[in-house]
Amino acid sequence: MALQISAERTRAPKEKPEETGLGFGQYFTDHMFLADYSPDKGWSDARIVPYGPMALEPSCMVFHYGQELFEGLKAFRGPKGETRLFRPGMNARRMNASSRRMCIPAFPEEDFLQAVTELVKTDEDWIPSAAGTSLYIRPFIFAADARLGVHPSETYRFVIILSPCGSYYSQGFAPIRIYVEDEYIRAAPGGTGSAKCGGNYAGGMLAQQGAKAKGYSQVLWLDGKQKKYVAEVGAMNIMFKIDGKIVTAPLDGTILPGVTRDSCITLLKDWGMEVQERPLSIDEIVDAWKNGELEEAFGTGTAASISPVGEICYKGVPMPIHDFEVGPVSRRLYDELTGIQAGRMEDKHGWVKTI
């Protein structure tokens, strides 16, 4: 049965921002989606309402115990003006995987897709059309019980908000510098590393601040057990081209199973490239750099798409990569991925849902 969604239109539409200089996560559309969960009703009261503040009690459990999760996906304006969602089903499945880890009731995948579709259709005129822009979609769920006590909440709220955005980084599609963090850790075996929950990001902010103070855009995390193997970067997964092969960390429960990561692996294999999902030590990266075999490095994520890496710093030693220029694999991935998303290139894998 289709999700029954009521709709209340705003009486005060916002002025839309200029498409140049949108940045990331700075502007929000006119409407948002809400649904509530209770043990007796399950997920109910699905509604689209004007974007605005939500009233929550100070004792709301999410404030005290961090029981929440979120997702991130995008809608794109196609060449004929159509609206294109990129792999929303994978986001629906990943959200429910995070829900299991965070003791949050699952939201049916078909209802997720319907909610996203209806909200995007409602604010369709907010989708930018300039090159490199999109409509970022942020679904999230949080514990809503107004009481204290360390146990799962009984009630929850599911929210979706929309944000027109441009490049995640101010420099656009250009190489970034990343700093290898060998003191703090992001996640450990048995933890919440594979769940998309806020605590994973909050716990990384101190290291991120330290990296930025040194002039680096992101932190490269090492594994939480030995601080030896590459995990991921603060806002994305990461891949390395070493002696002609693409190497990236395996999905061992400590890193996020990225939608862009999966898409890139598929495209790379389509091109006949060897992709190795295996433990990769930071020492191996250093050795490859010294031997001239570290040919490229790039991050993959929904917010930033493909982020070429121009330098890695480990233990105070900067290691420039590909002369601090965008490498051919990074460029080809960026061009093909964004081309599929925007409808400029053939979608051979059926990744795009047109609405």
Protein backbone atom coordinates (compact mmCIF):
# COMPACT_ATOMS: atom_id res chain seq x y z
CA MET A 1 0.00 0.00 0.00
CA ALA A 2 1.34 3.44 -0.93
CA LEU A 3 2.31 5.77 1.88
CA GLN A 4 -0.45 8.29 2.55
CA ILE A 5 1.23 11.71 2.58
CA SER A 6 -0.69 14.87 3.41
CA ALA A 7 0.63 18.19 2.12
CA GLU A 8 0.54 21.75 3.40
CA ARG A 9 2.03 24.34 1.06
CA THR A 10 3.95 27.32 2.34
CA ARG A 11 2.26 30.70 2.20
CA ALA A 12 5.61 32.50 2.21
CA PRO A 13 7.90 31.07 -0.50
CA LYS A 14 11.57 31.94 -0.07
CA GLU A 15 13.65 33.81 -2.58
CA LYS A 16 15.91 31.34 -4.34
CA PRO A 17 19.67 31.92 -4.14
CA GLU A 18 21.89 32.57 -7.13
CA GLU A 19 23.18 29.31 -8.61
CA THR A 20 26.76 30.56 -8.59
CA GLY A 21 28.38 30.32 -5.18
CA LEU A 22 25.78 28.01 -3.62
CA GLY A 23 28.39 26.16 -1.57
CA PHE A 24 27.14 23.19 0.42
CA GLY A 25 24.32 23.04 2.97
CA GLN A 26 23.75 26.79 3.25
CA TYR A 27 20.26 27.16 1.76
CA PHE A 28 17.10 25.13 2.30
CA THR A 29 13.92 24.80 0.26
CA ASP A 30 10.34 25.73 1.14
CA HIS A 31 9.15 22.36 2.44
CA MET A 32 10.19 19.32 4.46
CA PHE A 33 8.85 15.80 5.01
CA LEU A 34 7.93 14.48 8.45
CA ALA A 35 6.71 11.11 9.77
CA ASP A 36 6.43 9.84 13.34
CA TYR A 37 6.85 6.40 14.89
CA SER A 38 5.14 4.94 17.94
CA PRO A 39 4.88 1.30 19.07
CA ASP A 40 1.11 1.18 18.54
CA LYS A 41 0.93 2.94 15.16
CA GLY A 42 4.32 2.21 13.61
CA TRP A 43 5.37 4.88 11.11
CA SER A 44 2.42 7.24 10.64
CA ASP A 45 1.29 10.82 10.02
CA ALA A 46 3.45 11.22 6.92
CA ARG A 47 3.27 14.83 5.82
CA ILE A 48 4.92 17.54 3.75
CA VAL A 49 4.88 20.87 5.55
CA PRO A 50 6.60 24.26 5.26
CA TYR A 51 10.29 24.13 6.24
CA GLY A 52 10.75 25.52 9.73
CA PRO A 53 11.68 24.89 13.38
CA MET A 54 10.50 21.78 15.21
CA ALA A 55 9.43 21.96 18.86
CA LEU A 56 11.26 19.36 20.99
CA GLU A 57 11.40 19.04 24.75
CA PRO A 58 14.77 19.53 26.50
CA SER A 59 14.52 15.92 27.69
CA CYS A 60 14.24 14.59 24.11
CA MET A 61 16.46 11.51 24.14
CA VAL A 62 18.39 12.38 20.99
CA PHE A 63 19.98 15.33 22.81
CA HIS A 64 21.33 13.12 25.57
CA TYR A 65 22.21 9.77 24.01
CA GLY A 66 22.70 10.52 20.32
CA GLN A 67 20.34 7.87 18.99
CA GLU A 68 19.99 9.09 15.41
CA LEU A 69 21.12 8.49 11.84
CA PHE A 70 21.06 10.27 8.52
CA GLU A 71 21.47 9.77 4.79
CA GLY A 72 22.58 11.88 1.84
CA LEU A 73 21.64 11.70 -1.83
CA LYS A 74 21.08 14.11 -4.70
CA ALA A 75 18.60 15.13 -7.37
CA PHE A 76 19.82 16.57 -10.67
CA ARG A 77 18.29 18.63 -13.45
CA GLY A 78 18.43 16.64 -16.68
CA PRO A 79 19.06 17.96 -20.21
CA LYS A 80 15.32 18.14 -20.94
CA GLY A 81 14.47 19.70 -17.59
CA GLU A 82 13.56 16.37 -16.00
CA THR A 83 14.38 15.53 -12.38
CA ARG A 84 16.87 12.71 -11.84
CA LEU A 85 17.57 10.87 -8.56
CA PHE A 86 20.84 8.93 -8.34
CA ARG A 87 20.57 5.43 -6.79
CA PRO A 88 17.96 6.31 -4.13
CA GLY A 89 17.25 2.62 -3.47
CA MET A 90 20.79 2.10 -2.20
CA ASN A 91 20.34 4.97 0.23
CA ALA A 92 17.07 3.45 1.46
CA ARG A 93 18.79 0.12 2.12
CA ARG A 94 21.77 1.76 3.81
CA MET A 95 19.50 3.81 6.05
CA ASN A 96 17.84 0.64 7.31
CA ALA A 97 21.24 -0.98 7.87
CA SER A 98 22.15 2.02 10.03
CA SER A 99 18.77 1.71 11.77
CA ARG A 100 19.53 -1.86 12.81
CA ARG A 101 22.84 -0.80 14.36
CA MET A 102 21.27 2.18 16.15
CA CYS A 103 18.17 0.29 17.43
CA ILE A 104 15.84 2.45 15.33
CA PRO A 105 12.76 0.99 13.61
CA ALA A 106 13.22 0.43 9.89
CA PHE A 107 11.44 2.74 7.46
CA PRO A 108 10.15 0.66 4.52
CA GLU A 109 12.27 1.14 1.41
CA GLU A 110 9.30 1.79 -0.86
CA ASP A 111 8.03 4.43 1.58
CA PHE A 112 11.47 6.06 1.67
CA LEU A 113 11.48 6.29 -2.12
CA GLN A 114 7.94 7.69 -2.17
CA ALA A 115 8.70 10.28 0.51
CA VAL A 116 11.85 11.46 -1.26
CA THR A 117 10.07 11.57 -4.61
CA GLU A 118 7.06 13.53 -3.33
CA LEU A 119 9.16 16.08 -1.46
CA VAL A 120 11.48 16.63 -4.42
CA LYS A 121 8.47 17.04 -6.71
CA THR A 122 7.00 19.58 -4.30
CA ASP A 123 10.18 21.71 -4.40
CA GLU A 124 11.23 20.76 -7.92
CA ASP A 125 11.75 24.37 -8.95
CA TRP A 126 14.59 24.57 -6.41
CA ILE A 127 16.76 22.13 -8.38
CA PRO A 128 19.59 24.21 -9.86
CA SER A 129 20.67 23.67 -13.45
CA ALA A 130 24.14 25.28 -13.56
CA ALA A 131 27.10 22.97 -14.15
CA GLY A 132 28.27 21.26 -10.97
CA THR A 133 25.08 21.97 -9.01
CA SER A 134 22.39 19.67 -7.62
CA LEU A 135 19.69 19.40 -4.97
CA TYR A 136 21.11 17.69 -1.88
CA ILE A 137 18.59 15.48 -0.05
CA ARG A 138 19.12 14.91 3.68
CA PRO A 139 16.86 12.28 5.32
CA PHE A 140 17.38 11.70 9.06
CA ILE A 141 15.75 9.90 11.98
CA PHE A 142 16.09 10.71 15.67
CA ALA A 143 14.88 9.41 19.04
CA ALA A 144 11.92 11.51 20.21
CA ASP A 145 11.03 10.21 23.71
CA ALA A 146 10.94 13.04 26.24
CA ARG A 147 12.63 11.21 29.12
CA LEU A 148 16.05 10.21 30.38
CA GLY A 149 17.59 6.76 30.69
CA VAL A 150 20.09 4.88 28.58
CA HIS A 151 17.88 2.61 26.46
CA PRO A 152 16.32 2.81 23.00
CA SER A 153 13.57 5.36 22.57
CA GLU A 154 10.04 4.15 21.87
CA THR A 155 9.14 7.06 19.58
CA TYR A 156 11.01 8.52 16.61
CA ARG A 157 10.73 11.20 13.95
CA PHE A 158 11.80 10.85 10.32
CA VAL A 159 12.60 14.10 8.53
CA ILE A 160 13.75 14.97 5.01
CA ILE A 161 15.10 18.40 4.10
CA LEU A 162 16.43 19.67 0.76
CA SER A 163 19.32 22.02 -0.03
CA PRO A 164 20.42 23.37 -3.44
CA CYS A 165 24.19 23.07 -3.53
CA GLY A 166 27.29 23.56 -5.60
CA SER A 167 30.79 22.27 -4.89
CA TYR A 168 31.53 20.84 -1.46
CA TYR A 169 34.97 22.46 -1.52
CA SER A 170 35.48 26.15 -2.21
CA GLN A 171 38.14 25.33 -4.81
CA GLY A 172 35.73 23.11 -6.75
CA PHE A 173 37.08 20.07 -8.59
CA ALA A 174 40.72 20.59 -7.68
CA PRO A 175 43.22 18.53 -5.67
CA ILE A 176 42.96 18.74 -1.89
CA ARG A 177 45.56 18.16 0.82
CA ILE A 178 44.86 15.54 3.50
CA TYR A 179 46.54 14.86 6.84
CA VAL A 180 47.03 11.33 8.18
CA GLU A 181 45.68 11.16 11.74
CA ASP A 182 47.66 8.73 13.92
CA GLU A 183 46.51 9.76 17.40
CA TYR A 184 42.71 9.76 17.35
CA ILE A 185 40.56 7.11 15.67
CA ARG A 186 37.26 7.28 13.81
CA ALA A 187 35.93 3.77 14.39
CA ALA A 188 36.93 0.36 15.72
CA PRO A 189 35.78 -3.22 15.05
CA GLY A 190 32.36 -3.78 16.58
CA GLY A 191 31.62 -0.05 16.68
CA THR A 192 29.37 2.13 14.55
CA GLY A 193 31.80 2.83 11.71
CA SER A 194 29.54 1.40 9.01
CA ALA A 195 26.44 3.24 10.28
CA LYS A 196 25.78 6.75 9.05
CA CYS A 197 25.24 8.29 12.46
CA GLY A 198 26.23 11.70 13.77
CA GLY A 199 28.53 10.40 16.48
CA ASN A 200 31.00 9.15 13.87
CA TYR A 201 31.37 12.70 12.59
CA ALA A 202 31.28 14.52 15.93
CA GLY A 203 34.09 12.32 17.23
CA GLY A 204 36.27 13.31 14.28
CA MET A 205 35.94 17.07 14.60
CA LEU A 206 38.87 17.59 16.97
CA ALA A 207 41.27 15.88 14.57
CA GLN A 208 39.68 17.75 11.68
CA GLN A 209 40.30 21.07 13.41
CA GLY A 210 43.93 20.11 13.94
CA ALA A 211 44.36 19.22 10.28
CA LYS A 212 42.80 22.49 9.11
CA ALA A 213 45.12 24.44 11.42
CA LYS A 214 48.00 22.83 9.52
CA GLY A 215 46.49 23.80 6.16
CA TYR A 216 44.82 20.49 5.24
CA SER A 217 41.26 20.02 4.00
CA GLN A 218 40.56 16.59 5.45
CA VAL A 219 41.79 13.91 7.85
CA LEU A 220 42.79 10.48 6.60
CA TRP A 221 41.83 8.02 9.32
CA LEU A 222 43.72 4.84 10.15
CA ASP A 223 42.19 1.70 11.61
CA GLY A 224 41.19 1.86 15.26
CA LYS A 225 43.00 -1.29 16.35
CA GLN A 226 46.58 -0.94 15.10
CA LYS A 227 46.55 2.59 13.63
CA LYS A 228 48.24 1.04 10.65
CA TYR A 229 45.69 0.52 7.86
CA VAL A 230 43.92 3.22 5.86
CA ALA A 231 40.23 3.54 6.67
CA GLU A 232 38.54 6.57 5.11
CA VAL A 233 38.65 10.35 4.97
CA GLY A 234 36.47 12.54 7.19
CA ALA A 235 33.70 13.11 4.63
CA MET A 236 34.29 10.34 2.09
CA ASN A 237 35.81 6.99 1.20
CA ILE A 238 39.24 7.04 -0.43
CA MET A 239 40.98 5.14 -3.22
CA PHE A 240 44.60 4.94 -4.35
CA LYS A 241 46.08 4.09 -7.73
CA ILE A 242 49.26 2.15 -7.01
CA ASP A 243 51.29 0.73 -9.89
CA GLY A 244 48.26 0.74 -12.19
CA LYS A 245 45.85 -0.88 -9.70
CA ILE A 246 43.09 0.79 -7.67
CA VAL A 247 43.26 -0.10 -3.97
CA THR A 248 40.64 0.80 -1.36
CA ALA A 249 39.76 -0.34 2.14
CA PRO A 250 37.36 -3.29 2.43
CA LEU A 251 33.88 -3.03 3.92
CA ASP A 252 34.85 -4.61 7.23
CA GLY A 253 32.26 -2.83 9.39
CA THR A 254 34.48 0.11 10.31
CA ILE A 255 33.92 2.30 7.23
CA LEU A 256 30.84 3.63 5.50
CA PRO A 257 29.61 1.59 2.50
CA GLY A 258 29.49 4.61 0.23
CA VAL A 259 27.10 4.83 -2.72
CA THR A 260 29.70 6.78 -4.71
CA ARG A 261 32.37 4.27 -3.66
CA ASP A 262 30.27 1.41 -5.05
CA SER A 263 29.50 3.35 -8.23
CA CYS A 264 33.18 4.10 -8.84
CA ILE A 265 34.22 0.48 -8.31
CA THR A 266 31.61 -0.56 -10.87
CA LEU A 267 32.80 2.01 -13.43
CA LEU A 268 36.47 1.14 -12.89
CA LYS A 269 35.76 -2.54 -13.50
CA ASP A 270 33.74 -1.60 -16.59
CA TRP A 271 36.91 0.05 -17.93
CA GLY A 272 38.95 -3.09 -17.31
CA MET A 273 40.88 -1.72 -14.33
CA GLU A 274 41.89 -3.98 -11.47
CA VAL A 275 40.25 -2.95 -8.19
CA GLN A 276 41.51 -4.41 -4.93
CA GLU A 277 39.33 -4.09 -1.81
CA ARG A 278 41.86 -5.04 0.83
CA PRO A 279 43.73 -3.77 3.89
CA LEU A 280 46.17 -1.08 2.79
CA SER A 281 48.76 0.06 5.30
CA ILE A 282 49.99 3.63 5.48
CA ASP A 283 53.52 2.21 5.22
CA GLU A 284 52.63 0.67 1.87
CA ILE A 285 51.42 4.05 0.67
CA VAL A 286 54.64 5.72 1.83
CA ASP A 287 56.74 3.06 0.10
CA ALA A 288 54.69 3.41 -3.10
CA TRP A 289 55.20 7.17 -3.01
CA LYS A 290 58.94 6.80 -2.51
CA ASN A 291 59.15 4.30 -5.39
CA GLY A 292 57.09 6.47 -7.74
CA GLU A 293 54.23 3.93 -7.79
CA LEU A 294 51.62 6.10 -6.01
CA GLU A 295 50.06 7.48 -9.16
CA GLU A 296 46.79 8.94 -7.89
CA ALA A 297 44.56 9.25 -4.83
CA PHE A 298 40.96 10.44 -4.74
CA GLY A 299 38.02 10.57 -2.36
CA THR A 300 34.52 9.40 -3.24
CA GLY A 301 31.33 10.65 -1.61
CA THR A 302 27.86 12.02 -2.34
CA ALA A 303 28.58 15.54 -1.13
CA ALA A 304 31.88 16.02 -2.95
CA SER A 305 31.48 13.40 -5.72
CA ILE A 306 35.14 12.79 -6.70
CA SER A 307 37.85 14.68 -4.81
CA PRO A 308 41.36 14.33 -6.26
CA VAL A 309 44.10 14.33 -3.62
CA GLY A 310 47.20 16.37 -4.38
CA GLU A 311 49.10 15.76 -1.17
CA ILE A 312 49.12 13.42 1.83
CA CYS A 313 51.03 14.35 4.97
CA TYR A 314 52.16 11.57 7.33
CA LYS A 315 54.30 12.20 10.41
CA GLY A 316 55.19 15.66 9.19
CA VAL A 317 56.33 14.52 5.75
CA PRO A 318 54.25 15.92 2.85
CA MET A 319 53.87 13.55 -0.09
CA PRO A 320 52.73 15.36 -3.27
CA ILE A 321 50.79 13.18 -5.71
CA HIS A 322 50.65 13.54 -9.52
CA ASP A 323 52.37 16.92 -9.35
CA PHE A 324 49.36 18.26 -7.43
CA GLU A 325 47.24 17.99 -10.55
CA VAL A 326 44.03 16.08 -11.27
CA GLY A 327 44.93 12.56 -12.39
CA PRO A 328 43.41 10.85 -15.45
CA VAL A 329 41.42 8.29 -13.45
CA SER A 330 40.02 10.95 -11.11
CA ARG A 331 39.06 13.08 -14.10
CA ARG A 332 37.42 10.24 -15.99
CA LEU A 333 35.45 9.10 -12.93
CA TYR A 334 34.26 12.63 -12.25
CA ASP A 335 33.24 13.22 -15.86
CA GLU A 336 31.42 9.91 -16.24
CA LEU A 337 29.74 9.91 -12.84
CA THR A 338 28.45 13.47 -13.13
CA GLY A 339 27.58 12.82 -16.76
CA ILE A 340 25.36 9.87 -15.81
CA GLN A 341 23.76 11.83 -12.97
CA ALA A 342 22.94 14.83 -15.16
CA GLY A 343 21.86 12.79 -18.19
CA ARG A 344 24.78 13.73 -20.44
CA MET A 345 26.04 10.11 -20.57
CA GLU A 346 24.34 6.74 -20.90
CA ASP A 347 23.16 5.14 -17.67
CA LYS A 348 24.17 1.54 -18.41
CA HIS A 349 23.47 0.28 -14.89
CA GLY A 350 20.00 1.75 -14.34
CA TRP A 351 21.20 3.95 -11.50
CA VAL A 352 19.01 6.98 -12.27
CA LYS A 353 15.35 7.26 -11.27
CA THR A 354 13.58 9.92 -13.31
CA ILE A 355 10.60 11.64 -11.69
